Amino acid sequence: MKFINEYKESDRVCDIYLCKQKTAAVTKNGKPYETLVLQDKTGVIDAKIWDPGGAGISDFDALDYIEVHGEVNNFQGVLQVNIKRVRRCEKGDYCPADYLPKSRHDIDAMYDELLGFITQLKNTHLQTLMTDIFINDDELAASFKQSSAAKSIHHSFVGGLLEHTLSVVRLCDYLAKSYPFLQRDLLISAALCHDIGKVKEISSFPQNDYTDEGQFIGHIVIGSEMLKEKIVKIPDFPDFLAGALRHCILSHHGEFAFGSPKKPAIVEAVALNFADNTDAKLQIFSEALEKSSEIGWQSYNRLFESKIIATRME
């Protein structure tokens, strides 16, 4: 099997992929066509069927595994597949593990490192809470390990939520050491569970799409509610500490425009917002460069509102 990250412009395509998305559209001239997103464990690539009713184009739906025949083209600096023939595959034609994008890091090793930060907590209430979430709740822990951190923007792969969370915790650990006025236990605890709501906001692979709860409420409020449910079961958990921790979760996107119900009102919430934004933006930048076929300056990136370039200083 040739994986998506191996393709170059003008390559011939003749292999099986997961059809992650399928959308019908019409050209300016009124001619119907279909836009697909093909996926394997190395990533995704856009594809077009310009003659959906033509010979060699079989019926299939999103989340079907399909055998694709076509050619890789370059459209505005981004590779896409021009599909000439396609058929829906049956079980036994493919190995599902080949089509699930997964963190390049060992998931169990990352989780062990995450648990190590919990053992360092000195506040007994926060250590009890984090232990209840990440150690005692087997179902939640299993889901946390497998979840992605987003549908498509960043860390959208198995283990993505864990990888992103660990990176944010590491950054917050550095900030706490560099700025002693930060309450380390509060900051680390907030970092550990800042995106916990994503286990309910986004469905598992291969769908990896927003759930009804995710659409209606969103991971920030879901996460705050999940914390509250855990906190009320811990005897004598301080109300102010509970409020401060939930505030960090509710404000970690920093701005109302970015989905935060609250703006940061304590310094730990400010630090968490910067750490979360730093890891997300650097990962977005890295993934954008990986998906591009161009060398040097890339096409305009709407998330950075600029053209971007990978630099190597000699």
C-alpha atoms as a PDB file:
ATOM      1  CA  MET A   1       0.000   0.000   0.000  1.00  0.00           C
ATOM      2  CA  LYS A   2       1.213   3.482  -0.842  1.00  0.00           C
ATOM      3  CA  PHE A   3       0.431   5.912   1.969  1.00  0.00           C
ATOM      4  CA  ILE A   4      -0.874   9.430   1.479  1.00  0.00           C
ATOM      5  CA  ASN A   5       2.250  11.110   2.850  1.00  0.00           C
ATOM      6  CA  GLU A   6       4.306   9.427   0.114  1.00  0.00           C
ATOM      7  CA  TYR A   7       2.419  10.938  -2.799  1.00  0.00           C
ATOM      8  CA  LYS A   8       3.927  13.556  -5.096  1.00  0.00           C
ATOM      9  CA  GLU A   9       2.523  15.524  -7.986  1.00  0.00           C
ATOM     10  CA  SER A  10       1.770  13.399 -11.085  1.00  0.00           C
ATOM     11  CA  ASP A  11       1.844  10.119  -9.139  1.00  0.00           C
ATOM     12  CA  ARG A  12      -0.652   7.467 -10.185  1.00  0.00           C
ATOM     13  CA  VAL A  13      -3.095   6.347  -7.479  1.00  0.00           C
ATOM     14  CA  CYS A  14      -4.313   2.761  -7.323  1.00  0.00           C
ATOM     15  CA  ASP A  15      -5.056   1.768  -3.745  1.00  0.00           C
ATOM     16  CA  ILE A  16      -7.668   1.537  -0.981  1.00  0.00           C
ATOM     17  CA  TYR A  17      -8.460   4.468   1.341  1.00  0.00           C
ATOM     18  CA  LEU A  18     -11.083   5.451   3.861  1.00  0.00           C
ATOM     19  CA  CYS A  19     -13.518   7.992   2.436  1.00  0.00           C
ATOM     20  CA  LYS A  20     -13.577  10.368   5.416  1.00  0.00           C
ATOM     21  CA  GLN A  21     -15.951  12.858   3.772  1.00  0.00           C
ATOM     22  CA  LYS A  22     -18.057  13.012   0.611  1.00  0.00           C
ATOM     23  CA  THR A  23     -19.779  16.172  -0.612  1.00  0.00           C
ATOM     24  CA  ALA A  24     -21.785  16.789  -3.768  1.00  0.00           C
ATOM     25  CA  ALA A  25     -21.272  20.143  -5.513  1.00  0.00           C
ATOM     26  CA  VAL A  26     -21.898  21.930  -8.797  1.00  0.00           C
ATOM     27  CA  THR A  27     -19.420  23.846 -10.987  1.00  0.00           C
ATOM     28  CA  LYS A  28     -20.078  27.390 -12.181  1.00  0.00           C
ATOM     29  CA  ASN A  29     -21.318  25.850 -15.404  1.00  0.00           C
ATOM     30  CA  GLY A  30     -23.873  23.730 -13.560  1.00  0.00           C
ATOM     31  CA  LYS A  31     -22.019  20.420 -13.915  1.00  0.00           C
ATOM     32  CA  PRO A  32     -22.197  18.137 -10.838  1.00  0.00           C
ATOM     33  CA  TYR A  33     -19.019  16.839  -9.197  1.00  0.00           C
ATOM     34  CA  GLU A  34     -18.026  15.354  -5.846  1.00  0.00           C
ATOM     35  CA  THR A  35     -15.379  16.365  -3.326  1.00  0.00           C
ATOM     36  CA  LEU A  36     -13.872  13.672  -1.115  1.00  0.00           C
ATOM     37  CA  VAL A  37     -11.430  13.531   1.755  1.00  0.00           C
ATOM     38  CA  LEU A  38      -9.363  10.339   1.633  1.00  0.00           C
ATOM     39  CA  GLN A  39      -7.646   9.131   4.779  1.00  0.00           C
ATOM     40  CA  ASP A  40      -5.054   6.624   5.895  1.00  0.00           C
ATOM     41  CA  LYS A  41      -2.895   6.439   9.022  1.00  0.00           C
ATOM     42  CA  THR A  42      -0.459   9.036   7.635  1.00  0.00           C
ATOM     43  CA  GLY A  43      -3.026  11.758   7.007  1.00  0.00           C
ATOM     44  CA  VAL A  44      -5.664  12.980   4.580  1.00  0.00           C
ATOM     45  CA  ILE A  45      -5.793  14.252   1.013  1.00  0.00           C
ATOM     46  CA  ASP A  46      -8.548  16.009  -0.933  1.00  0.00           C
ATOM     47  CA  ALA A  47      -9.946  14.300  -4.016  1.00  0.00           C
ATOM     48  CA  LYS A  48     -12.353  15.180  -6.833  1.00  0.00           C
ATOM     49  CA  ILE A  49     -14.699  13.096  -8.970  1.00  0.00           C
ATOM     50  CA  TRP A  50     -15.492  15.340 -11.912  1.00  0.00           C
ATOM     51  CA  ASP A  51     -17.891  12.864 -13.559  1.00  0.00           C
ATOM     52  CA  PRO A  52     -19.842  11.162 -10.722  1.00  0.00           C
ATOM     53  CA  GLY A  53     -22.156   9.341 -13.111  1.00  0.00           C
ATOM     54  CA  GLY A  54     -19.427   8.133 -15.419  1.00  0.00           C
ATOM     55  CA  ALA A  55     -18.293   4.604 -16.158  1.00  0.00           C
ATOM     56  CA  GLY A  56     -16.111   3.133 -13.434  1.00  0.00           C
ATOM     57  CA  ILE A  57     -17.631   5.229 -10.631  1.00  0.00           C
ATOM     58  CA  SER A  58     -19.463   2.879  -8.252  1.00  0.00           C
ATOM     59  CA  ASP A  59     -21.851   3.894  -5.462  1.00  0.00           C
ATOM     60  CA  PHE A  60     -20.307   4.509  -2.042  1.00  0.00           C
ATOM     61  CA  ASP A  61     -20.808   6.697   1.019  1.00  0.00           C
ATOM     62  CA  ALA A  62     -18.699   8.577   3.521  1.00  0.00           C
ATOM     63  CA  LEU A  63     -16.830   6.237   5.907  1.00  0.00           C
ATOM     64  CA  ASP A  64     -16.735   3.510   3.272  1.00  0.00           C
ATOM     65  CA  TYR A  65     -13.392   2.018   2.307  1.00  0.00           C
ATOM     66  CA  ILE A  66     -12.912   2.583  -1.419  1.00  0.00           C
ATOM     67  CA  GLU A  67     -10.453   1.500  -4.077  1.00  0.00           C
ATOM     68  CA  VAL A  68      -9.333   4.628  -5.907  1.00  0.00           C
ATOM     69  CA  HIS A  69      -7.772   4.957  -9.351  1.00  0.00           C
ATOM     70  CA  GLY A  70      -6.572   8.381 -10.436  1.00  0.00           C
ATOM     71  CA  GLU A  71      -3.735  10.889 -10.490  1.00  0.00           C
ATOM     72  CA  VAL A  72      -2.249  13.330  -7.989  1.00  0.00           C
ATOM     73  CA  ASN A  73      -2.491  16.986  -9.035  1.00  0.00           C
ATOM     74  CA  ASN A  74      -1.226  20.212  -7.481  1.00  0.00           C
ATOM     75  CA  PHE A  75      -3.950  22.781  -6.824  1.00  0.00           C
ATOM     76  CA  GLN A  76      -2.731  26.080  -5.363  1.00  0.00           C
ATOM     77  CA  GLY A  77       0.196  24.368  -3.681  1.00  0.00           C
ATOM     78  CA  VAL A  78      -1.865  21.554  -2.155  1.00  0.00           C
ATOM     79  CA  LEU A  79      -1.955  18.000  -3.493  1.00  0.00           C
ATOM     80  CA  GLN A  80      -5.283  16.463  -4.464  1.00  0.00           C
ATOM     81  CA  VAL A  81      -6.398  13.342  -6.319  1.00  0.00           C
ATOM     82  CA  ASN A  82      -8.290  13.455  -9.604  1.00  0.00           C
ATOM     83  CA  ILE A  83     -10.334  10.238  -9.416  1.00  0.00           C
ATOM     84  CA  LYS A  84     -11.119   8.348 -12.627  1.00  0.00           C
ATOM     85  CA  ARG A  85     -12.439   5.083 -11.182  1.00  0.00           C
ATOM     86  CA  VAL A  86     -13.659   4.047  -7.732  1.00  0.00           C
ATOM     87  CA  ARG A  87     -15.351   1.052  -6.118  1.00  0.00           C
ATOM     88  CA  ARG A  88     -16.575   0.316  -2.603  1.00  0.00           C
ATOM     89  CA  CYS A  89     -14.550  -2.358  -0.816  1.00  0.00           C
ATOM     90  CA  GLU A  90     -15.743  -5.196   1.403  1.00  0.00           C
ATOM     91  CA  LYS A  91     -14.386  -6.384   4.749  1.00  0.00           C
ATOM     92  CA  GLY A  92     -11.298  -8.436   4.157  1.00  0.00           C
ATOM     93  CA  ASP A  93     -10.079  -6.149   1.373  1.00  0.00           C
ATOM     94  CA  TYR A  94      -8.291  -3.887   3.843  1.00  0.00           C
ATOM     95  CA  CYS A  95      -6.735  -3.684   7.310  1.00  0.00           C
ATOM     96  CA  PRO A  96      -8.547  -1.012   9.405  1.00  0.00           C
ATOM     97  CA  ALA A  97      -5.351  -0.183  11.332  1.00  0.00           C
ATOM     98  CA  ASP A  98      -3.843   1.213   8.112  1.00  0.00           C
ATOM     99  CA  TYR A  99      -6.469   3.967   8.044  1.00  0.00           C
ATOM    100  CA  LEU A 100      -6.397   5.413  11.542  1.00  0.00           C
ATOM    101  CA  PRO A 101      -4.016   8.369  11.926  1.00  0.00           C
ATOM    102  CA  LYS A 102      -2.098   7.900  15.150  1.00  0.00           C
ATOM    103  CA  SER A 103       0.355   9.877  17.243  1.00  0.00           C
ATOM    104  CA  ARG A 104       3.974   9.218  16.316  1.00  0.00           C
ATOM    105  CA  HIS A 105       4.713   8.951  20.039  1.00  0.00           C
ATOM    106  CA  ASP A 106       4.071   5.897  22.220  1.00  0.00           C
ATOM    107  CA  ILE A 107       0.655   6.380  23.841  1.00  0.00           C
ATOM    108  CA  ASP A 108       1.371   4.382  26.999  1.00  0.00           C
ATOM    109  CA  ALA A 109       4.688   6.196  27.537  1.00  0.00           C
ATOM    110  CA  MET A 110       2.962   9.579  27.171  1.00  0.00           C
ATOM    111  CA  TYR A 111       0.257   8.576  29.630  1.00  0.00           C
ATOM    112  CA  ASP A 112       2.824   7.375  32.156  1.00  0.00           C
ATOM    113  CA  GLU A 113       4.564  10.749  31.919  1.00  0.00           C
ATOM    114  CA  LEU A 114       1.221  12.485  32.410  1.00  0.00           C
ATOM    115  CA  LEU A 115       0.535  10.434  35.535  1.00  0.00           C
ATOM    116  CA  GLY A 116       3.967  11.406  36.825  1.00  0.00           C
ATOM    117  CA  PHE A 117       2.827  15.026  37.081  1.00  0.00           C
ATOM    118  CA  ILE A 118      -0.101  13.923  39.253  1.00  0.00           C
ATOM    119  CA  THR A 119       2.223  12.263  41.776  1.00  0.00           C
ATOM    120  CA  GLN A 120       4.099  15.581  42.093  1.00  0.00           C
ATOM    121  CA  LEU A 121       0.998  17.486  43.254  1.00  0.00           C
ATOM    122  CA  LYS A 122       1.265  18.565  46.896  1.00  0.00           C
ATOM    123  CA  ASN A 123      -2.327  19.752  47.305  1.00  0.00           C
ATOM    124  CA  THR A 124      -4.180  16.655  48.532  1.00  0.00           C
ATOM    125  CA  HIS A 125      -7.546  17.777  47.116  1.00  0.00           C
ATOM    126  CA  LEU A 126      -6.138  18.333  43.631  1.00  0.00           C
ATOM    127  CA  GLN A 127      -4.142  15.107  43.729  1.00  0.00           C
ATOM    128  CA  THR A 128      -7.266  13.195  44.757  1.00  0.00           C
ATOM    129  CA  LEU A 129      -9.270  14.804  41.954  1.00  0.00           C
ATOM    130  CA  MET A 130      -6.642  14.177  39.264  1.00  0.00           C
ATOM    131  CA  THR A 131      -6.191  10.587  40.490  1.00  0.00           C
ATOM    132  CA  ASP A 132      -9.944  10.016  40.307  1.00  0.00           C
ATOM    133  CA  ILE A 133     -10.029  11.321  36.718  1.00  0.00           C
ATOM    134  CA  PHE A 134      -6.913   9.824  35.169  1.00  0.00           C
ATOM    135  CA  ILE A 135      -6.279   6.681  37.244  1.00  0.00           C
ATOM    136  CA  ASN A 136      -9.435   5.458  38.969  1.00  0.00           C
ATOM    137  CA  ASP A 137     -11.857   6.069  36.079  1.00  0.00           C
ATOM    138  CA  ASP A 138     -10.823   3.311  33.676  1.00  0.00           C
ATOM    139  CA  GLU A 139     -13.416   4.210  31.030  1.00  0.00           C
ATOM    140  CA  LEU A 140     -12.431   7.869  30.983  1.00  0.00           C
ATOM    141  CA  ALA A 141      -8.715   7.044  30.917  1.00  0.00           C
ATOM    142  CA  ALA A 142      -9.156   4.661  27.966  1.00  0.00           C
ATOM    143  CA  SER A 143     -11.158   7.244  26.052  1.00  0.00           C
ATOM    144  CA  PHE A 144      -8.635   9.983  26.849  1.00  0.00           C
ATOM    145  CA  LYS A 145      -5.784   7.888  25.429  1.00  0.00           C
ATOM    146  CA  GLN A 146      -7.574   7.235  22.132  1.00  0.00           C
ATOM    147  CA  SER A 147      -9.276  10.593  21.513  1.00  0.00           C
ATOM    148  CA  SER A 148      -8.123  13.248  19.089  1.00  0.00           C
ATOM    149  CA  ALA A 149      -7.757  16.891  20.116  1.00  0.00           C
ATOM    150  CA  ALA A 150      -9.772  18.218  17.162  1.00  0.00           C
ATOM    151  CA  LYS A 151     -11.785  17.233  14.129  1.00  0.00           C
ATOM    152  CA  SER A 152      -9.190  18.634  11.732  1.00  0.00           C
ATOM    153  CA  ILE A 153      -7.348  21.736  13.000  1.00  0.00           C
ATOM    154  CA  HIS A 154      -4.564  20.205  15.133  1.00  0.00           C
ATOM    155  CA  HIS A 155      -3.727  16.853  16.751  1.00  0.00           C
ATOM    156  CA  SER A 156      -6.571  15.198  14.809  1.00  0.00           C
ATOM    157  CA  PHE A 157      -5.328  11.650  15.300  1.00  0.00           C
ATOM    158  CA  VAL A 158      -5.563   8.769  17.771  1.00  0.00           C
ATOM    159  CA  GLY A 159      -3.674   9.897  20.857  1.00  0.00           C
ATOM    160  CA  GLY A 160      -3.887  13.537  19.779  1.00  0.00           C
ATOM    161  CA  LEU A 161      -5.707  14.694  22.907  1.00  0.00           C
ATOM    162  CA  LEU A 162      -3.109  13.006  25.109  1.00  0.00           C
ATOM    163  CA  GLU A 163      -0.193  14.379  23.075  1.00  0.00           C
ATOM    164  CA  HIS A 164      -1.594  17.932  23.161  1.00  0.00           C
ATOM    165  CA  THR A 165      -2.428  17.744  26.873  1.00  0.00           C
ATOM    166  CA  LEU A 166       1.033  16.478  27.756  1.00  0.00           C
ATOM    167  CA  SER A 167       2.640  19.295  25.761  1.00  0.00           C
ATOM    168  CA  VAL A 168       0.499  21.872  27.563  1.00  0.00           C
ATOM    169  CA  VAL A 169       1.363  20.345  30.949  1.00  0.00           C
ATOM    170  CA  ARG A 170       5.079  20.482  30.097  1.00  0.00           C
ATOM    171  CA  LEU A 171       4.777  24.146  29.110  1.00  0.00           C
ATOM    172  CA  CYS A 172       2.880  24.946  32.303  1.00  0.00           C
ATOM    173  CA  ASP A 173       5.526  23.109  34.340  1.00  0.00           C
ATOM    174  CA  TYR A 174       8.165  25.336  32.728  1.00  0.00           C
ATOM    175  CA  LEU A 175       6.103  28.472  33.417  1.00  0.00           C
ATOM    176  CA  ALA A 176       5.595  27.503  37.052  1.00  0.00           C
ATOM    177  CA  LYS A 177       9.360  27.071  37.506  1.00  0.00           C
ATOM    178  CA  SER A 178      10.099  30.358  35.739  1.00  0.00           C
ATOM    179  CA  TYR A 179       7.431  32.392  37.532  1.00  0.00           C
ATOM    180  CA  PRO A 180       7.298  31.295  41.199  1.00  0.00           C
ATOM    181  CA  PHE A 181       4.197  33.395  41.926  1.00  0.00           C
ATOM    182  CA  LEU A 182       2.141  30.922  39.892  1.00  0.00           C
ATOM    183  CA  GLN A 183       0.331  28.310  42.001  1.00  0.00           C
ATOM    184  CA  ARG A 184       1.918  25.259  40.432  1.00  0.00           C
ATOM    185  CA  ASP A 185      -0.572  22.652  41.646  1.00  0.00           C
ATOM    186  CA  LEU A 186      -3.532  24.655  40.355  1.00  0.00           C
ATOM    187  CA  LEU A 187      -1.847  25.351  37.012  1.00  0.00           C
ATOM    188  CA  ILE A 188      -0.719  21.754  36.425  1.00  0.00           C
ATOM    189  CA  SER A 189      -4.160  20.414  37.389  1.00  0.00           C
ATOM    190  CA  ALA A 190      -5.854  22.857  35.032  1.00  0.00           C
ATOM    191  CA  ALA A 191      -3.467  21.869  32.238  1.00  0.00           C
ATOM    192  CA  LEU A 192      -4.139  18.172  32.835  1.00  0.00           C
ATOM    193  CA  CYS A 193      -7.879  18.530  32.390  1.00  0.00           C
ATOM    194  CA  HIS A 194      -8.255  21.697  30.271  1.00  0.00           C
ATOM    195  CA  ASP A 195      -9.519  19.702  27.252  1.00  0.00           C
ATOM    196  CA  ILE A 196     -11.056  16.751  29.112  1.00  0.00           C
ATOM    197  CA  GLY A 197     -14.439  17.609  27.588  1.00  0.00           C
ATOM    198  CA  LYS A 198     -13.187  16.564  24.161  1.00  0.00           C
ATOM    199  CA  VAL A 199     -13.711  12.898  25.055  1.00  0.00           C
ATOM    200  CA  LYS A 200     -17.433  13.706  24.788  1.00  0.00           C
ATOM    201  CA  GLU A 201     -17.282  16.520  22.222  1.00  0.00           C
ATOM    202  CA  ILE A 202     -15.677  14.448  19.435  1.00  0.00           C
ATOM    203  CA  SER A 203     -16.628  10.908  18.435  1.00  0.00           C
ATOM    204  CA  SER A 204     -14.084   8.111  18.183  1.00  0.00           C
ATOM    205  CA  PHE A 205     -12.331   7.130  14.963  1.00  0.00           C
ATOM    206  CA  PRO A 206     -12.990   6.570  12.142  1.00  0.00           C
ATOM    207  CA  GLN A 207     -15.775   9.179  12.455  1.00  0.00           C
ATOM    208  CA  ASN A 208     -13.805  11.694  14.557  1.00  0.00           C
ATOM    209  CA  ASP A 209     -16.640  14.200  14.206  1.00  0.00           C
ATOM    210  CA  TYR A 210     -18.621  16.399  16.570  1.00  0.00           C
ATOM    211  CA  THR A 211     -21.216  14.596  18.704  1.00  0.00           C
ATOM    212  CA  ASP A 212     -24.612  16.136  19.419  1.00  0.00           C
ATOM    213  CA  GLU A 213     -23.343  17.114  22.875  1.00  0.00           C
ATOM    214  CA  GLY A 214     -20.271  18.636  21.271  1.00  0.00           C
ATOM    215  CA  GLN A 215     -22.370  20.708  18.875  1.00  0.00           C
ATOM    216  CA  PHE A 216     -24.853  21.840  21.529  1.00  0.00           C
ATOM    217  CA  ILE A 217     -22.467  22.554  24.408  1.00  0.00           C
ATOM    218  CA  GLY A 218     -18.792  22.288  23.388  1.00  0.00           C
ATOM    219  CA  HIS A 219     -15.799  20.831  25.175  1.00  0.00           C
ATOM    220  CA  ILE A 220     -15.120  23.823  27.425  1.00  0.00           C
ATOM    221  CA  VAL A 221     -18.459  23.684  29.243  1.00  0.00           C
ATOM    222  CA  ILE A 222     -18.548  19.878  29.063  1.00  0.00           C
ATOM    223  CA  GLY A 223     -15.149  19.770  30.761  1.00  0.00           C
ATOM    224  CA  SER A 224     -16.269  22.142  33.512  1.00  0.00           C
ATOM    225  CA  GLU A 225     -19.332  19.997  34.155  1.00  0.00           C
ATOM    226  CA  MET A 226     -17.242  16.819  34.247  1.00  0.00           C
ATOM    227  CA  LEU A 227     -14.975  18.396  36.880  1.00  0.00           C
ATOM    228  CA  LYS A 228     -17.935  19.480  38.980  1.00  0.00           C
ATOM    229  CA  GLU A 229     -19.322  15.918  38.948  1.00  0.00           C
ATOM    230  CA  LYS A 230     -15.992  14.606  40.227  1.00  0.00           C
ATOM    231  CA  ILE A 231     -15.418  17.384  42.776  1.00  0.00           C
ATOM    232  CA  VAL A 232     -18.752  16.974  44.591  1.00  0.00           C
ATOM    233  CA  LYS A 233     -17.774  13.387  45.439  1.00  0.00           C
ATOM    234  CA  ILE A 234     -14.585  14.491  47.245  1.00  0.00           C
ATOM    235  CA  PRO A 235     -15.237  15.361  50.917  1.00  0.00           C
ATOM    236  CA  ASP A 236     -14.415  18.933  51.989  1.00  0.00           C
ATOM    237  CA  PHE A 237     -13.068  20.001  48.597  1.00  0.00           C
ATOM    238  CA  PRO A 238     -12.601  23.802  49.011  1.00  0.00           C
ATOM    239  CA  ASP A 239     -15.215  25.820  47.130  1.00  0.00           C
ATOM    240  CA  PHE A 240     -12.744  28.544  46.133  1.00  0.00           C
ATOM    241  CA  LEU A 241     -10.266  26.001  44.762  1.00  0.00           C
ATOM    242  CA  ALA A 242     -13.046  24.281  42.822  1.00  0.00           C
ATOM    243  CA  GLY A 243     -14.115  27.623  41.378  1.00  0.00           C
ATOM    244  CA  ALA A 244     -10.561  28.599  40.437  1.00  0.00           C
ATOM    245  CA  LEU A 245      -9.938  25.269  38.692  1.00  0.00           C
ATOM    246  CA  ARG A 246     -13.209  25.380  36.760  1.00  0.00           C
ATOM    247  CA  HIS A 247     -12.516  29.014  35.865  1.00  0.00           C
ATOM    248  CA  CYS A 248      -9.215  27.979  34.266  1.00  0.00           C
ATOM    249  CA  ILE A 249     -11.110  25.461  32.128  1.00  0.00           C
ATOM    250  CA  LEU A 250     -13.846  27.936  31.195  1.00  0.00           C
ATOM    251  CA  SER A 251     -11.358  30.659  30.209  1.00  0.00           C
ATOM    252  CA  HIS A 252      -8.551  28.672  28.590  1.00  0.00           C
ATOM    253  CA  HIS A 253      -9.335  29.906  25.057  1.00  0.00           C
ATOM    254  CA  GLY A 254      -8.727  33.417  26.328  1.00  0.00           C
ATOM    255  CA  GLU A 255     -11.354  35.361  24.382  1.00  0.00           C
ATOM    256  CA  PHE A 256     -15.126  35.269  23.922  1.00  0.00           C
ATOM    257  CA  ALA A 257     -14.526  35.236  20.166  1.00  0.00           C
ATOM    258  CA  PHE A 258     -12.571  31.983  20.532  1.00  0.00           C
ATOM    259  CA  GLY A 259     -15.315  30.221  22.489  1.00  0.00           C
ATOM    260  CA  SER A 260     -14.382  30.981  26.085  1.00  0.00           C
ATOM    261  CA  PRO A 261     -17.431  31.616  28.312  1.00  0.00           C
ATOM    262  CA  LYS A 262     -15.127  33.619  30.594  1.00  0.00           C
ATOM    263  CA  LYS A 263     -11.944  35.655  30.168  1.00  0.00           C
ATOM    264  CA  PRO A 264      -8.984  34.782  32.423  1.00  0.00           C
ATOM    265  CA  ALA A 265      -9.362  36.404  35.834  1.00  0.00           C
ATOM    266  CA  ILE A 266      -6.475  34.716  37.658  1.00  0.00           C
ATOM    267  CA  VAL A 267      -2.859  34.480  36.598  1.00  0.00           C
ATOM    268  CA  GLU A 268      -2.943  30.670  36.337  1.00  0.00           C
ATOM    269  CA  ALA A 269      -5.736  30.981  33.777  1.00  0.00           C
ATOM    270  CA  VAL A 270      -3.612  33.425  31.784  1.00  0.00           C
ATOM    271  CA  ALA A 271      -0.658  31.023  31.844  1.00  0.00           C
ATOM    272  CA  LEU A 272      -2.870  28.116  30.776  1.00  0.00           C
ATOM    273  CA  ASN A 273      -4.276  30.126  27.869  1.00  0.00           C
ATOM    274  CA  PHE A 274      -0.774  30.955  26.610  1.00  0.00           C
ATOM    275  CA  ALA A 275       0.426  27.356  26.959  1.00  0.00           C
ATOM    276  CA  ASP A 276      -2.620  25.938  25.181  1.00  0.00           C
ATOM    277  CA  ASN A 277      -2.401  28.475  22.376  1.00  0.00           C
ATOM    278  CA  THR A 278       1.354  27.949  21.969  1.00  0.00           C
ATOM    279  CA  ASP A 279       1.108  24.204  21.482  1.00  0.00           C
ATOM    280  CA  ALA A 280      -1.948  24.417  19.224  1.00  0.00           C
ATOM    281  CA  LYS A 281      -0.428  27.093  16.962  1.00  0.00           C
ATOM    282  CA  LEU A 282       2.939  25.344  16.617  1.00  0.00           C
ATOM    283  CA  GLN A 283       1.225  22.059  15.788  1.00  0.00           C
ATOM    284  CA  ILE A 284      -1.031  23.784  13.227  1.00  0.00           C
ATOM    285  CA  PHE A 285       2.038  25.355  11.607  1.00  0.00           C
ATOM    286  CA  SER A 286       3.868  22.028  11.531  1.00  0.00           C
ATOM    287  CA  GLU A 287       0.904  20.172  10.022  1.00  0.00           C
ATOM    288  CA  ALA A 288       0.377  22.877   7.396  1.00  0.00           C
ATOM    289  CA  LEU A 289       3.960  22.514   6.188  1.00  0.00           C
ATOM    290  CA  GLU A 290       3.728  18.716   6.166  1.00  0.00           C
ATOM    291  CA  LYS A 291       0.646  18.805   3.927  1.00  0.00           C
ATOM    292  CA  SER A 292       2.116  21.239   1.394  1.00  0.00           C
ATOM    293  CA  SER A 293       3.920  20.100  -1.741  1.00  0.00           C
ATOM    294  CA  GLU A 294       5.718  23.416  -2.243  1.00  0.00           C
ATOM    295  CA  ILE A 295       9.276  24.294  -1.255  1.00  0.00           C
ATOM    296  CA  GLY A 296       9.771  27.788   0.136  1.00  0.00           C
ATOM    297  CA  TRP A 297       6.855  30.150   0.642  1.00  0.00           C
ATOM    298  CA  GLN A 298       3.514  28.395   0.948  1.00  0.00           C
ATOM    299  CA  SER A 299       0.036  29.475  -0.090  1.00  0.00           C
ATOM    300  CA  TYR A 300      -1.901  31.895   2.124  1.00  0.00           C
ATOM    301  CA  ASN A 301      -2.845  30.250   5.417  1.00  0.00           C
ATOM    302  CA  ARG A 302      -6.162  31.528   6.760  1.00  0.00           C
ATOM    303  CA  LEU A 303      -5.414  30.487  10.348  1.00  0.00           C
ATOM    304  CA  PHE A 304      -2.231  32.576  10.448  1.00  0.00           C
ATOM    305  CA  GLU A 305      -3.596  35.225   8.065  1.00  0.00           C
ATOM    306  CA  SER A 306      -0.306  35.116   6.188  1.00  0.00           C
ATOM    307  CA  LYS A 307       1.811  33.104   3.832  1.00  0.00           C
ATOM    308  CA  ILE A 308       4.119  30.805   5.796  1.00  0.00           C
ATOM    309  CA  ILE A 309       7.550  29.315   5.187  1.00  0.00           C
ATOM    310  CA  ALA A 310       9.747  26.715   6.837  1.00  0.00           C
ATOM    311  CA  THR A 311      13.108  28.253   7.732  1.00  0.00           C
ATOM    312  CA  ARG A 312      16.440  26.593   8.386  1.00  0.00           C
ATOM    313  CA  MET A 313      19.239  28.863   9.570  1.00  0.00           C
ATOM    314  CA  GLU A 314      22.694  27.738   8.425  1.00  0.00           C
END
